Amino acid sequence: MPKNQTMNLEPLSVSIMEATRLLGFKDPKSVRNLIRSGDLHACRAGRIYLVSYESLKEFVGR
């Protein structure tokens, strides 16, 4: 890769709080409801849920 090009790295997943911020919601309940309804894909990692960044992009693109 040439020196003057930068790589745009996207996260694989984000926390529910970060997903709430990225979607412009004020309450994380909205994101949890989207996960429950199947509109967003998330997996549990220990005590937290990680929301797929790809599913966030798909949701916004609808």
N, C-alpha and C. Protein backbone atom coordinates (compact mmCIF):
# COMPACT_ATOMS: atom_id res chain seq x y z
N MET A 1 0.84 -1.17 0.00
CA MET A 1 0.00 0.00 0.00
C MET A 1 0.89 1.24 0.00
N PRO A 2 0.63 2.18 -0.89
CA PRO A 2 1.43 3.42 -0.92
C PRO A 2 1.29 4.21 0.37
N LYS A 3 2.30 5.01 0.67
CA LYS A 3 2.32 5.76 1.92
C LYS A 3 1.18 6.76 2.05
N ASN A 4 0.75 7.35 0.95
CA ASN A 4 -0.26 8.39 1.03
C ASN A 4 -1.68 7.87 1.16
N GLN A 5 -1.89 6.58 1.10
CA GLN A 5 -3.23 6.01 1.27
C GLN A 5 -3.41 5.55 2.71
N THR A 6 -4.57 5.83 3.25
CA THR A 6 -4.89 5.37 4.60
C THR A 6 -5.94 4.28 4.51
N MET A 7 -5.87 3.38 5.45
CA MET A 7 -6.85 2.30 5.51
C MET A 7 -8.02 2.73 6.37
N ASN A 8 -9.22 2.50 5.90
CA ASN A 8 -10.41 2.74 6.71
C ASN A 8 -10.78 1.44 7.40
N LEU A 9 -10.48 1.36 8.66
CA LEU A 9 -10.78 0.15 9.42
C LEU A 9 -12.11 0.32 10.13
N GLU A 10 -12.96 -0.66 9.99
CA GLU A 10 -14.24 -0.66 10.67
C GLU A 10 -14.21 -1.73 11.75
N PRO A 11 -14.86 -1.47 12.87
CA PRO A 11 -14.91 -2.50 13.91
C PRO A 11 -15.79 -3.66 13.46
N LEU A 12 -15.52 -4.83 14.00
CA LEU A 12 -16.38 -5.98 13.72
C LEU A 12 -17.69 -5.87 14.48
N SER A 13 -17.60 -5.34 15.69
CA SER A 13 -18.79 -5.19 16.52
C SER A 13 -18.59 -4.03 17.49
N VAL A 14 -19.72 -3.55 18.01
CA VAL A 14 -19.70 -2.45 18.98
C VAL A 14 -20.65 -2.79 20.13
N SER A 15 -20.46 -2.10 21.24
CA SER A 15 -21.34 -2.32 22.39
C SER A 15 -22.72 -1.73 22.10
N ILE A 16 -23.68 -2.08 22.92
CA ILE A 16 -25.04 -1.54 22.76
C ILE A 16 -25.02 -0.03 22.93
N MET A 17 -24.23 0.47 23.88
CA MET A 17 -24.16 1.92 24.09
C MET A 17 -23.58 2.62 22.86
N GLU A 18 -22.54 2.04 22.26
CA GLU A 18 -21.95 2.63 21.06
C GLU A 18 -22.93 2.55 19.89
N ALA A 19 -23.65 1.44 19.77
CA ALA A 19 -24.65 1.30 18.71
C ALA A 19 -25.75 2.34 18.89
N THR A 20 -26.13 2.60 20.13
CA THR A 20 -27.14 3.62 20.42
C THR A 20 -26.66 4.98 19.94
N ARG A 21 -25.42 5.30 20.22
CA ARG A 21 -24.85 6.58 19.80
C ARG A 21 -24.74 6.67 18.28
N LEU A 22 -24.27 5.60 17.64
CA LEU A 22 -24.10 5.61 16.19
C LEU A 22 -25.43 5.76 15.45
N LEU A 23 -26.49 5.18 16.00
CA LEU A 23 -27.80 5.26 15.36
C LEU A 23 -28.54 6.56 15.70
N GLY A 24 -28.00 7.31 16.65
CA GLY A 24 -28.63 8.58 17.03
C GLY A 24 -29.78 8.43 18.00
N PHE A 25 -29.86 7.28 18.67
CA PHE A 25 -30.90 7.07 19.67
C PHE A 25 -30.43 7.62 21.01
N LYS A 26 -31.39 7.91 21.88
CA LYS A 26 -31.05 8.40 23.22
C LYS A 26 -31.10 7.29 24.26
N ASP A 27 -31.85 6.24 23.96
CA ASP A 27 -32.07 5.18 24.94
C ASP A 27 -31.60 3.84 24.37
N PRO A 28 -30.75 3.13 25.10
CA PRO A 28 -30.28 1.82 24.62
C PRO A 28 -31.40 0.78 24.49
N LYS A 29 -32.56 1.05 25.11
CA LYS A 29 -33.69 0.12 24.98
C LYS A 29 -34.09 -0.04 23.51
N SER A 30 -33.96 1.03 22.76
CA SER A 30 -34.32 0.98 21.34
C SER A 30 -33.45 -0.02 20.60
N VAL A 31 -32.15 -0.03 20.90
CA VAL A 31 -31.24 -0.97 20.26
C VAL A 31 -31.54 -2.39 20.72
N ARG A 32 -31.81 -2.55 22.01
CA ARG A 32 -32.16 -3.89 22.52
C ARG A 32 -33.42 -4.42 21.84
N ASN A 33 -34.39 -3.54 21.62
CA ASN A 33 -35.63 -3.96 20.93
C ASN A 33 -35.33 -4.36 19.49
N LEU A 34 -34.44 -3.65 18.82
CA LEU A 34 -34.06 -4.01 17.45
C LEU A 34 -33.34 -5.36 17.41
N ILE A 35 -32.55 -5.64 18.44
CA ILE A 35 -31.88 -6.95 18.53
C ILE A 35 -32.92 -8.04 18.74
N ARG A 36 -33.85 -7.81 19.66
CA ARG A 36 -34.90 -8.81 19.94
C ARG A 36 -35.75 -9.09 18.71
N SER A 37 -36.04 -8.04 17.93
CA SER A 37 -36.90 -8.22 16.75
C SER A 37 -36.15 -8.82 15.57
N GLY A 38 -34.81 -8.91 15.68
CA GLY A 38 -34.02 -9.49 14.60
C GLY A 38 -33.54 -8.49 13.57
N ASP A 39 -33.80 -7.21 13.79
CA ASP A 39 -33.34 -6.18 12.87
C ASP A 39 -31.85 -5.92 12.98
N LEU A 40 -31.28 -6.16 14.15
CA LEU A 40 -29.83 -6.06 14.36
C LEU A 40 -29.33 -7.40 14.87
N HIS A 41 -28.12 -7.75 14.47
CA HIS A 41 -27.50 -9.00 14.92
C HIS A 41 -26.51 -8.69 16.03
N ALA A 42 -26.60 -9.46 17.11
CA ALA A 42 -25.70 -9.26 18.24
C ALA A 42 -25.37 -10.61 18.85
N CYS A 43 -24.23 -10.66 19.52
CA CYS A 43 -23.86 -11.87 20.25
C CYS A 43 -23.41 -11.46 21.64
N ARG A 44 -23.54 -12.38 22.54
CA ARG A 44 -23.17 -12.11 23.93
C ARG A 44 -21.72 -12.50 24.14
N ALA A 45 -20.98 -11.61 24.77
CA ALA A 45 -19.58 -11.87 25.12
C ALA A 45 -19.44 -11.58 26.62
N GLY A 46 -19.54 -12.63 27.40
CA GLY A 46 -19.51 -12.44 28.84
C GLY A 46 -20.80 -11.78 29.30
N ARG A 47 -20.67 -10.60 29.90
CA ARG A 47 -21.85 -9.90 30.43
C ARG A 47 -22.39 -8.83 29.48
N ILE A 48 -21.74 -8.65 28.33
CA ILE A 48 -22.18 -7.60 27.42
C ILE A 48 -22.60 -8.20 26.07
N TYR A 49 -23.39 -7.44 25.35
CA TYR A 49 -23.76 -7.81 23.99
C TYR A 49 -22.97 -6.97 23.02
N LEU A 50 -22.49 -7.60 21.97
CA LEU A 50 -21.77 -6.90 20.91
C LEU A 50 -22.63 -6.92 19.67
N VAL A 51 -22.89 -5.75 19.13
CA VAL A 51 -23.74 -5.60 17.95
C VAL A 51 -22.86 -5.60 16.72
N SER A 52 -23.22 -6.40 15.75
CA SER A 52 -22.48 -6.46 14.50
C SER A 52 -22.50 -5.12 13.79
N TYR A 53 -21.31 -4.60 13.45
CA TYR A 53 -21.22 -3.32 12.76
C TYR A 53 -21.85 -3.41 11.38
N GLU A 54 -21.70 -4.56 10.76
CA GLU A 54 -22.28 -4.79 9.43
C GLU A 54 -23.82 -4.70 9.50
N SER A 55 -24.41 -5.26 10.56
CA SER A 55 -25.87 -5.18 10.68
C SER A 55 -26.34 -3.75 10.94
N LEU A 56 -25.50 -2.94 11.61
CA LEU A 56 -25.83 -1.52 11.80
C LEU A 56 -25.86 -0.80 10.45
N LYS A 57 -24.87 -1.09 9.61
CA LYS A 57 -24.82 -0.46 8.28
C LYS A 57 -26.02 -0.90 7.44
N GLU A 58 -26.39 -2.17 7.50
CA GLU A 58 -27.54 -2.65 6.75
C GLU A 58 -28.82 -1.99 7.25
N PHE A 59 -28.96 -1.85 8.56
CA PHE A 59 -30.15 -1.24 9.13
C PHE A 59 -30.29 0.21 8.67
N VAL A 60 -29.22 0.95 8.69
CA VAL A 60 -29.24 2.36 8.28
C VAL A 60 -29.52 2.48 6.78
N GLY A 61 -29.04 1.51 6.01
CA GLY A 61 -29.21 1.56 4.56
C GLY A 61 -30.59 1.21 4.07
N ARG A 62 -31.46 0.72 4.94
CA ARG A 62 -32.81 0.34 4.51
C ARG A 62 -33.64 1.53 4.13
